[in-house]
Amino acid sequence: MFELCLTIDEALCGECGGCVAVCPFDAIILEADGVREIPNACTLCNLCVITCPSRAILLKDEIKV
């Protein structure tokens, strides 16, 4: 099974909301306790990674058996 993976490093995230603003798929949301990813919505477009000033977002595709 092929799976898309969006990971946000909470230790690096400054909660600026830039990633939320640029994501056309609503795969990232900003909540009271921080930024949260919605992995099933992510298409690996890479806009959030490019926008993140703290480099807190990682995207990868995984093959799970």
Protein backbone atom coordinates (compact mmCIF):
# COMPACT_ATOMS: atom_id res chain seq x y z
CA MET A 1 0.00 0.00 0.00
CA PHE A 2 1.33 3.42 -1.01
CA GLU A 3 0.78 6.23 1.49
CA LEU A 4 1.47 9.97 1.42
CA CYS A 5 3.02 11.34 4.57
CA LEU A 6 2.99 14.89 5.92
CA THR A 7 4.89 15.47 9.16
CA ILE A 8 5.22 18.67 11.15
CA ASP A 9 8.03 18.91 13.70
CA GLU A 10 6.35 20.68 16.61
CA ALA A 11 9.71 21.60 18.14
CA LEU A 12 10.64 23.59 15.02
CA CYS A 13 7.20 24.98 14.14
CA GLY A 14 6.69 28.63 15.02
CA GLU A 15 2.93 28.39 14.33
CA CYS A 16 3.09 31.29 11.86
CA GLY A 17 0.25 29.83 9.77
CA GLY A 18 2.05 30.25 6.45
CA CYS A 19 1.62 26.59 5.59
CA VAL A 20 -2.10 26.74 6.36
CA ALA A 21 -2.51 29.76 4.10
CA VAL A 22 -0.80 28.18 1.07
CA CYS A 23 -2.22 24.66 1.25
CA PRO A 24 -4.84 24.32 -1.50
CA PHE A 25 -6.06 20.99 -0.07
CA ASP A 26 -6.64 22.00 3.58
CA ALA A 27 -4.15 19.35 4.67
CA ILE A 28 -2.81 21.56 7.47
CA ILE A 29 -4.87 23.36 10.08
CA LEU A 30 -3.93 25.72 12.89
CA GLU A 31 -5.57 24.92 16.20
CA ALA A 32 -5.25 26.43 19.67
CA ASP A 33 -2.62 23.85 20.63
CA GLY A 34 -0.59 24.10 17.41
CA VAL A 35 -0.51 23.07 13.78
CA ARG A 36 -2.07 19.74 12.85
CA GLU A 37 -1.71 17.77 9.63
CA ILE A 38 -4.50 15.96 7.81
CA PRO A 39 -2.44 13.31 5.97
CA ASN A 40 -5.25 11.92 3.82
CA ALA A 41 -5.79 15.38 2.32
CA CYS A 42 -2.13 15.93 1.40
CA THR A 43 -1.11 15.47 -2.25
CA LEU A 44 2.61 16.24 -1.72
CA CYS A 45 2.38 19.48 -3.71
CA ASN A 46 5.30 20.80 -1.59
CA LEU A 47 3.90 24.35 -1.16
CA CYS A 48 3.96 24.10 2.64
CA VAL A 49 7.59 22.95 2.66
CA ILE A 50 8.65 25.84 0.44
CA THR A 51 6.72 28.35 2.58
CA CYS A 52 7.81 27.18 6.04
CA PRO A 53 10.48 29.57 7.39
CA SER A 54 11.52 27.15 10.14
CA ARG A 55 11.72 24.05 7.91
CA ALA A 56 9.39 22.20 10.23
CA ILE A 57 7.48 20.31 7.53
CA LEU A 58 8.59 17.07 5.94
CA LEU A 59 6.84 15.33 3.06
CA LYS A 60 7.55 11.82 1.95
CA ASP A 61 5.88 8.95 0.25
CA GLU A 62 6.05 5.58 1.88
CA ILE A 63 5.36 2.08 0.76
CA LYS A 64 3.82 0.05 3.59
CA VAL A 65 3.51 -3.67 3.22
